[in-house]
Structure formats: C-alpha cells, structure tokens
PDB file of all heavy atoms in Angstrom:
ATOM      1  N   VAL A   1     164.687  79.623  -4.898  1.00  0.00           N
ATOM      2  CA  VAL A   1     165.031  79.911  -6.293  1.00  0.00           C
ATOM      3  C   VAL A   1     164.290  79.008  -7.277  1.00  0.00           C
ATOM      4  O   VAL A   1     164.003  79.415  -8.396  1.00  0.00           O
ATOM      5  CB  VAL A   1     166.553  79.790  -6.523  1.00  0.00           C
ATOM      6  CG1 VAL A   1     167.302  80.797  -5.668  1.00  0.00           C
ATOM      7  CG2 VAL A   1     167.060  78.385  -6.233  1.00  0.00           C
ATOM      8  N   GLN A   2     164.022  77.757  -6.907  1.00  0.00           N
ATOM      9  CA  GLN A   2     163.182  76.840  -7.675  1.00  0.00           C
ATOM     10  C   GLN A   2     163.756  76.383  -9.019  1.00  0.00           C
ATOM     11  O   GLN A   2     163.190  75.511  -9.667  1.00  0.00           O
ATOM     12  CB  GLN A   2     161.804  77.464  -7.928  1.00  0.00           C
ATOM     13  CG  GLN A   2     160.984  77.685  -6.671  1.00  0.00           C
ATOM     14  CD  GLN A   2     160.563  76.387  -6.010  1.00  0.00           C
ATOM     15  OE1 GLN A   2     160.186  75.428  -6.680  1.00  0.00           O
ATOM     16  NE2 GLN A   2     160.639  76.349  -4.693  1.00  0.00           N
ATOM     17  N   SER A   3     164.877  76.936  -9.461  1.00  0.00           N
ATOM     18  CA  SER A   3     165.426  76.552 -10.766  1.00  0.00           C
ATOM     19  C   SER A   3     166.902  76.900 -10.812  1.00  0.00           C
ATOM     20  O   SER A   3     167.397  77.721 -10.027  1.00  0.00           O
ATOM     21  CB  SER A   3     164.686  77.280 -11.901  1.00  0.00           C
ATOM     22  OG  SER A   3     164.918  78.664 -11.838  1.00  0.00           O
ATOM     23  N   TRP A   4     167.616  76.262 -11.767  1.00  0.00           N
ATOM     24  CA  TRP A   4     169.031  76.565 -11.941  1.00  0.00           C
ATOM     25  C   TRP A   4     169.231  77.993 -12.426  1.00  0.00           C
ATOM     26  O   TRP A   4     170.200  78.658 -12.056  1.00  0.00           O
ATOM     27  CB  TRP A   4     169.664  75.582 -12.916  1.00  0.00           C
ATOM     28  CG  TRP A   4     169.768  74.193 -12.369  1.00  0.00           C
ATOM     29  CD1 TRP A   4     169.060  73.101 -12.752  1.00  0.00           C
ATOM     30  CD2 TRP A   4     170.634  73.760 -11.305  1.00  0.00           C
ATOM     31  NE1 TRP A   4     169.421  72.008 -11.995  1.00  0.00           N
ATOM     32  CE2 TRP A   4     170.395  72.378 -11.102  1.00  0.00           C
ATOM     33  CE3 TRP A   4     171.581  74.409 -10.509  1.00  0.00           C
ATOM     34  CZ2 TRP A   4     171.055  71.637 -10.146  1.00  0.00           C
ATOM     35  CZ3 TRP A   4     172.249  73.674  -9.543  1.00  0.00           C
ATOM     36  CH2 TRP A   4     171.992  72.302  -9.367  1.00  0.00           C
ATOM     37  N   SER A   5     168.308  78.486 -13.260  1.00  0.00           N
ATOM     38  CA  SER A   5     168.433  79.870 -13.725  1.00  0.00           C
ATOM     39  C   SER A   5     168.260  80.844 -12.564  1.00  0.00           C
ATOM     40  O   SER A   5     168.941  81.874 -12.494  1.00  0.00           O
ATOM     41  CB  SER A   5     167.398  80.159 -14.818  1.00  0.00           C
ATOM     42  OG  SER A   5     166.079  79.957 -14.321  1.00  0.00           O
ATOM     43  N   GLY A   6     167.349  80.515 -11.641  1.00  0.00           N
ATOM     44  CA  GLY A   6     167.181  81.358 -10.464  1.00  0.00           C
ATOM     45  C   GLY A   6     168.420  81.358  -9.592  1.00  0.00           C
ATOM     46  O   GLY A   6     168.764  82.362  -8.972  1.00  0.00           O
ATOM     47  N   LEU A   7     169.122  80.211  -9.572  1.00  0.00           N
ATOM     48  CA  LEU A   7     170.341  80.116  -8.772  1.00  0.00           C
ATOM     49  C   LEU A   7     171.466  80.932  -9.376  1.00  0.00           C
ATOM     50  O   LEU A   7     172.274  81.533  -8.670  1.00  0.00           O
ATOM     51  CB  LEU A   7     170.757  78.647  -8.661  1.00  0.00           C
ATOM     52  CG  LEU A   7     172.006  78.348  -7.833  1.00  0.00           C
ATOM     53  CD1 LEU A   7     171.777  78.705  -6.370  1.00  0.00           C
ATOM     54  CD2 LEU A   7     172.403  76.883  -7.979  1.00  0.00           C
ATOM     55  N   LEU A   8     171.533  80.976 -10.702  1.00  0.00           N
ATOM     56  CA  LEU A   8     172.660  81.598 -11.381  1.00  0.00           C
ATOM     57  C   LEU A   8     172.425  83.048 -11.781  1.00  0.00           C
ATOM     58  O   LEU A   8     173.377  83.810 -11.927  1.00  0.00           O
ATOM     59  CB  LEU A   8     173.015  80.782 -12.637  1.00  0.00           C
ATOM     60  CG  LEU A   8     173.438  79.327 -12.393  1.00  0.00           C
ATOM     61  CD1 LEU A   8     173.631  78.607 -13.713  1.00  0.00           C
ATOM     62  CD2 LEU A   8     174.702  79.263 -11.552  1.00  0.00           C
ATOM     63  N   LEU A   9     171.146  83.430 -11.980  1.00  0.00           N
ATOM     64  CA  LEU A   9     170.856  84.727 -12.579  1.00  0.00           C
ATOM     65  C   LEU A   9     170.261  85.747 -11.616  1.00  0.00           C
ATOM     66  O   LEU A   9     170.117  86.918 -11.976  1.00  0.00           O
ATOM     67  CB  LEU A   9     169.905  84.552 -13.775  1.00  0.00           C
ATOM     68  CG  LEU A   9     170.427  83.641 -14.899  1.00  0.00           C
ATOM     69  CD1 LEU A   9     169.391  83.518 -16.008  1.00  0.00           C
ATOM     70  CD2 LEU A   9     171.750  84.174 -15.450  1.00  0.00           C
ATOM     71  N   THR A  10     169.873  85.334 -10.418  1.00  0.00           N
ATOM     72  CA  THR A  10     169.309  86.284  -9.459  1.00  0.00           C
ATOM     73  C   THR A  10     170.342  86.631  -8.391  1.00  0.00           C
ATOM     74  O   THR A  10     171.278  85.872  -8.139  1.00  0.00           O
ATOM     75  CB  THR A  10     168.056  85.706  -8.777  1.00  0.00           C
ATOM     76  OG1 THR A  10     168.430  84.559  -7.995  1.00  0.00           O
ATOM     77  CG2 THR A  10     167.014  85.297  -9.798  1.00  0.00           C
ATOM     78  N   ASP A  11     170.144  87.796  -7.763  1.00  0.00           N
ATOM     79  CA  ASP A  11     171.061  88.203  -6.698  1.00  0.00           C
ATOM     80  C   ASP A  11     171.024  87.211  -5.541  1.00  0.00           C
ATOM     81  O   ASP A  11     172.070  86.872  -4.972  1.00  0.00           O
ATOM     82  CB  ASP A  11     170.689  89.606  -6.192  1.00  0.00           C
ATOM     83  CG  ASP A  11     170.986  90.690  -7.218  1.00  0.00           C
ATOM     84  OD1 ASP A  11     171.834  90.438  -8.096  1.00  0.00           O
ATOM     85  OD2 ASP A  11     170.372  91.771  -7.140  1.00  0.00           O
ATOM     86  N   TYR A  12     169.812  86.758  -5.183  1.00  0.00           N
ATOM     87  CA  TYR A  12     169.694  85.780  -4.098  1.00  0.00           C
ATOM     88  C   TYR A  12     170.442  84.500  -4.441  1.00  0.00           C
ATOM     89  O   TYR A  12     171.161  83.935  -3.614  1.00  0.00           O
ATOM     90  CB  TYR A  12     168.218  85.473  -3.819  1.00  0.00           C
ATOM     91  CG  TYR A  12     168.025  84.430  -2.740  1.00  0.00           C
ATOM     92  CD1 TYR A  12     167.932  84.788  -1.401  1.00  0.00           C
ATOM     93  CD2 TYR A  12     167.930  83.068  -3.070  1.00  0.00           C
ATOM     94  CE1 TYR A  12     167.767  83.831  -0.411  1.00  0.00           C
ATOM     95  CE2 TYR A  12     167.771  82.107  -2.085  1.00  0.00           C
ATOM     96  CZ  TYR A  12     167.683  82.493  -0.758  1.00  0.00           C
ATOM     97  OH  TYR A  12     167.524  81.544   0.214  1.00  0.00           O
ATOM     98  N   GLY A  13     170.266  84.042  -5.690  1.00  0.00           N
ATOM     99  CA  GLY A  13     170.909  82.795  -6.103  1.00  0.00           C
ATOM    100  C   GLY A  13     172.420  82.899  -6.102  1.00  0.00           C
ATOM    101  O   GLY A  13     173.119  81.973  -5.674  1.00  0.00           O
ATOM    102  N   ARG A  14     172.956  84.032  -6.576  1.00  0.00           N
ATOM    103  CA  ARG A  14     174.415  84.191  -6.590  1.00  0.00           C
ATOM    104  C   ARG A  14     174.969  84.287  -5.167  1.00  0.00           C
ATOM    105  O   ARG A  14     176.036  83.740  -4.874  1.00  0.00           O
ATOM    106  CB  ARG A  14     174.786  85.430  -7.408  1.00  0.00           C
ATOM    107  CG  ARG A  14     174.627  85.231  -8.917  1.00  0.00           C
ATOM    108  CD  ARG A  14     175.236  86.391  -9.677  1.00  0.00           C
ATOM    109  NE  ARG A  14     174.436  87.603  -9.543  1.00  0.00           N
ATOM    110  CZ  ARG A  14     173.486  87.963 -10.397  1.00  0.00           C
ATOM    111  NH1 ARG A  14     173.204  87.204 -11.444  1.00  0.00           N
ATOM    112  NH2 ARG A  14     172.815  89.094 -10.222  1.00  0.00           N
ATOM    113  N   THR A  15     174.237  84.980  -4.286  1.00  0.00           N
ATOM    114  CA  THR A  15     174.662  85.042  -2.881  1.00  0.00           C
ATOM    115  C   THR A  15     174.658  83.665  -2.249  1.00  0.00           C
ATOM    116  O   THR A  15     175.583  83.288  -1.516  1.00  0.00           O
ATOM    117  CB  THR A  15     173.740  85.986  -2.092  1.00  0.00           C
ATOM    118  OG1 THR A  15     173.768  87.278  -2.690  1.00  0.00           O
ATOM    119  CG2 THR A  15     174.189  86.097  -0.641  1.00  0.00           C
ATOM    120  N   LEU A  16     173.599  82.897  -2.551  1.00  0.00           N
ATOM    121  CA  LEU A  16     173.517  81.538  -2.036  1.00  0.00           C
ATOM    122  C   LEU A  16     174.675  80.687  -2.545  1.00  0.00           C
ATOM    123  O   LEU A  16     175.270  79.913  -1.787  1.00  0.00           O
ATOM    124  CB  LEU A  16     172.179  80.909  -2.449  1.00  0.00           C
ATOM    125  CG  LEU A  16     171.983  79.435  -2.090  1.00  0.00           C
ATOM    126  CD1 LEU A  16     171.992  79.234  -0.580  1.00  0.00           C
ATOM    127  CD2 LEU A  16     170.668  78.914  -2.692  1.00  0.00           C
ATOM    128  N   SER A  17     175.020  80.842  -3.831  1.00  0.00           N
ATOM    129  CA  SER A  17     176.128  80.063  -4.396  1.00  0.00           C
ATOM    130  C   SER A  17     177.439  80.370  -3.685  1.00  0.00           C
ATOM    131  O   SER A  17     178.221  79.454  -3.382  1.00  0.00           O
ATOM    132  CB  SER A  17     176.260  80.362  -5.895  1.00  0.00           C
ATOM    133  OG  SER A  17     175.081  80.009  -6.587  1.00  0.00           O
ATOM    134  N   LEU A  18     177.690  81.641  -3.404  1.00  0.00           N
ATOM    135  CA  LEU A  18     178.909  82.019  -2.690  1.00  0.00           C
ATOM    136  C   LEU A  18     178.926  81.425  -1.282  1.00  0.00           C
ATOM    137  O   LEU A  18     179.965  80.952  -0.801  1.00  0.00           O
ATOM    138  CB  LEU A  18     179.032  83.544  -2.624  1.00  0.00           C
ATOM    139  CG  LEU A  18     179.328  84.252  -3.955  1.00  0.00           C
ATOM    140  CD1 LEU A  18     179.284  85.765  -3.771  1.00  0.00           C
ATOM    141  CD2 LEU A  18     180.683  83.817  -4.509  1.00  0.00           C
ATOM    142  N   LYS A  19     177.771  81.445  -0.612  1.00  0.00           N
ATOM    143  CA  LYS A  19     177.691  80.870   0.731  1.00  0.00           C
ATOM    144  C   LYS A  19     177.951  79.370   0.705  1.00  0.00           C
ATOM    145  O   LYS A  19     178.626  78.823   1.587  1.00  0.00           O
ATOM    146  CB  LYS A  19     176.325  81.156   1.345  1.00  0.00           C
ATOM    147  CG  LYS A  19     176.093  82.608   1.720  1.00  0.00           C
ATOM    148  CD  LYS A  19     174.664  82.852   2.143  1.00  0.00           C
ATOM    149  CE  LYS A  19     174.307  82.091   3.396  1.00  0.00           C
ATOM    150  NZ  LYS A  19     172.911  82.390   3.826  1.00  0.00           N
ATOM    151  N   LEU A  20     177.435  78.704  -0.315  1.00  0.00           N
ATOM    152  CA  LEU A  20     177.641  77.257  -0.414  1.00  0.00           C
ATOM    153  C   LEU A  20     179.104  76.929  -0.698  1.00  0.00           C
ATOM    154  O   LEU A  20     179.646  75.957  -0.148  1.00  0.00           O
ATOM    155  CB  LEU A  20     176.739  76.680  -1.511  1.00  0.00           C
ATOM    156  CG  LEU A  20     175.233  76.723  -1.235  1.00  0.00           C
ATOM    157  CD1 LEU A  20     174.458  76.196  -2.432  1.00  0.00           C
ATOM    158  CD2 LEU A  20     174.883  75.928   0.014  1.00  0.00           C
ATOM    159  N   LEU A  21     179.749  77.735  -1.541  1.00  0.00           N
ATOM    160  CA  LEU A  21     181.181  77.523  -1.791  1.00  0.00           C
ATOM    161  C   LEU A  21     181.989  77.721  -0.519  1.00  0.00           C
ATOM    162  O   LEU A  21     182.926  76.965  -0.234  1.00  0.00           O
ATOM    163  CB  LEU A  21     181.662  78.478  -2.883  1.00  0.00           C
ATOM    164  CG  LEU A  21     181.200  78.165  -4.306  1.00  0.00           C
ATOM    165  CD1 LEU A  21     181.617  79.278  -5.260  1.00  0.00           C
ATOM    166  CD2 LEU A  21     181.759  76.827  -4.768  1.00  0.00           C
ATOM    167  N   TRP A  22     181.634  78.736   0.254  1.00  0.00           N
ATOM    168  CA  TRP A  22     182.315  78.953   1.537  1.00  0.00           C
ATOM    169  C   TRP A  22     182.118  77.757   2.457  1.00  0.00           C
ATOM    170  O   TRP A  22     183.041  77.320   3.134  1.00  0.00           O
ATOM    171  CB  TRP A  22     181.771  80.219   2.196  1.00  0.00           C
ATOM    172  CG  TRP A  22     182.265  80.377   3.609  1.00  0.00           C
ATOM    173  CD1 TRP A  22     183.420  80.982   4.014  1.00  0.00           C
ATOM    174  CD2 TRP A  22     181.635  79.894   4.790  1.00  0.00           C
ATOM    175  NE1 TRP A  22     183.540  80.910   5.372  1.00  0.00           N
ATOM    176  CE2 TRP A  22     182.459  80.249   5.883  1.00  0.00           C
ATOM    177  CE3 TRP A  22     180.441  79.223   5.039  1.00  0.00           C
ATOM    178  CZ2 TRP A  22     182.134  79.936   7.199  1.00  0.00           C
ATOM    179  CZ3 TRP A  22     180.117  78.900   6.351  1.00  0.00           C
ATOM    180  CH2 TRP A  22     180.956  79.262   7.408  1.00  0.00           C
ATOM    181  N   ALA A  23     180.888  77.233   2.501  1.00  0.00           N
ATOM    182  CA  ALA A  23     180.598  76.104   3.383  1.00  0.00           C
ATOM    183  C   ALA A  23     181.391  74.867   2.978  1.00  0.00           C
ATOM    184  O   ALA A  23     181.899  74.129   3.832  1.00  0.00           O
ATOM    185  CB  ALA A  23     179.100  75.802   3.369  1.00  0.00           C
ATOM    186  N   VAL A  24     181.517  74.622   1.675  1.00  0.00           N
ATOM    187  CA  VAL A  24     182.302  73.473   1.211  1.00  0.00           C
ATOM    188  C   VAL A  24     183.764  73.639   1.618  1.00  0.00           C
ATOM    189  O   VAL A  24     184.406  72.686   2.096  1.00  0.00           O
ATOM    190  CB  VAL A  24     182.177  73.325  -0.322  1.00  0.00           C
ATOM    191  CG1 VAL A  24     183.169  72.305  -0.840  1.00  0.00           C
ATOM    192  CG2 VAL A  24     180.761  72.907  -0.687  1.00  0.00           C
ATOM    193  N   GLY A  25     184.304  74.852   1.451  1.00  0.00           N
ATOM    194  CA  GLY A  25     185.680  75.095   1.869  1.00  0.00           C
ATOM    195  C   GLY A  25     185.879  74.919   3.357  1.00  0.00           C
ATOM    196  O   GLY A  25     186.867  74.330   3.811  1.00  0.00           O
ATOM    197  N   ALA A  26     184.922  75.434   4.154  1.00  0.00           N
ATOM    198  CA  ALA A  26     185.014  75.288   5.612  1.00  0.00           C
ATOM    199  C   ALA A  26     184.913  73.831   6.030  1.00  0.00           C
ATOM    200  O   ALA A  26     185.584  73.393   6.972  1.00  0.00           O
ATOM    201  CB  ALA A  26     183.913  76.108   6.280  1.00  0.00           C
ATOM    202  N   LEU A  27     184.084  73.053   5.336  1.00  0.00           N
ATOM    203  CA  LEU A  27     183.951  71.629   5.643  1.00  0.00           C
ATOM    204  C   LEU A  27     185.267  70.900   5.405  1.00  0.00           C
ATOM    205  O   LEU A  27     185.722  70.114   6.238  1.00  0.00           O
ATOM    206  CB  LEU A  27     182.843  71.019   4.780  1.00  0.00           C
ATOM    207  CG  LEU A  27     182.579  69.523   4.943  1.00  0.00           C
ATOM    208  CD1 LEU A  27     182.151  69.209   6.370  1.00  0.00           C
ATOM    209  CD2 LEU A  27     181.517  69.053   3.955  1.00  0.00           C
ATOM    210  N   GLY A  28     185.918  71.170   4.260  1.00  0.00           N
ATOM    211  CA  GLY A  28     187.196  70.526   3.978  1.00  0.00           C
ATOM    212  C   GLY A  28     188.277  70.954   4.948  1.00  0.00           C
ATOM    213  O   GLY A  28     189.059  70.128   5.418  1.00  0.00           O
ATOM    214  N   PHE A  29     188.309  72.247   5.276  1.00  0.00           N
ATOM    215  CA  PHE A  29     189.310  72.736   6.221  1.00  0.00           C
ATOM    216  C   PHE A  29     189.107  72.129   7.603  1.00  0.00           C
ATOM    217  O   PHE A  29     190.071  71.751   8.275  1.00  0.00           O
ATOM    218  CB  PHE A  29     189.227  74.258   6.308  1.00  0.00           C
ATOM    219  CG  PHE A  29     190.229  74.858   7.259  1.00  0.00           C
ATOM    220  CD1 PHE A  29     191.554  74.980   6.908  1.00  0.00           C
ATOM    221  CD2 PHE A  29     189.824  75.292   8.511  1.00  0.00           C
ATOM    222  CE1 PHE A  29     192.473  75.528   7.784  1.00  0.00           C
ATOM    223  CE2 PHE A  29     190.733  75.836   9.400  1.00  0.00           C
ATOM    224  CZ  PHE A  29     192.067  75.956   9.027  1.00  0.00           C
ATOM    225  N   GLY A  30     187.842  72.022   8.033  1.00  0.00           N
ATOM    226  CA  GLY A  30     187.566  71.434   9.338  1.00  0.00           C
ATOM    227  C   GLY A  30     187.982  69.983   9.413  1.00  0.00           C
ATOM    228  O   GLY A  30     188.551  69.538  10.414  1.00  0.00           O
TER     229      GLY A  30
END
C-alpha cells in the first residue's frame, strides 16, 4: 500500500486492516 491513504482508501488496504484487527484480537485472546 505504501501510504496511509492506500491503507484506508483501497480495497486491499481495508482488507489488510481487518486482518490486522483480527490478529490483535487473537493475540490478546491467546
């Protein structure tokens, strides 16, 4: 994505953000 706008405004970036949120939740649960 190379930028914060790419992370927030592209489909790839939004999918990545959801995956990262899931990973943070799984880390805390584990």
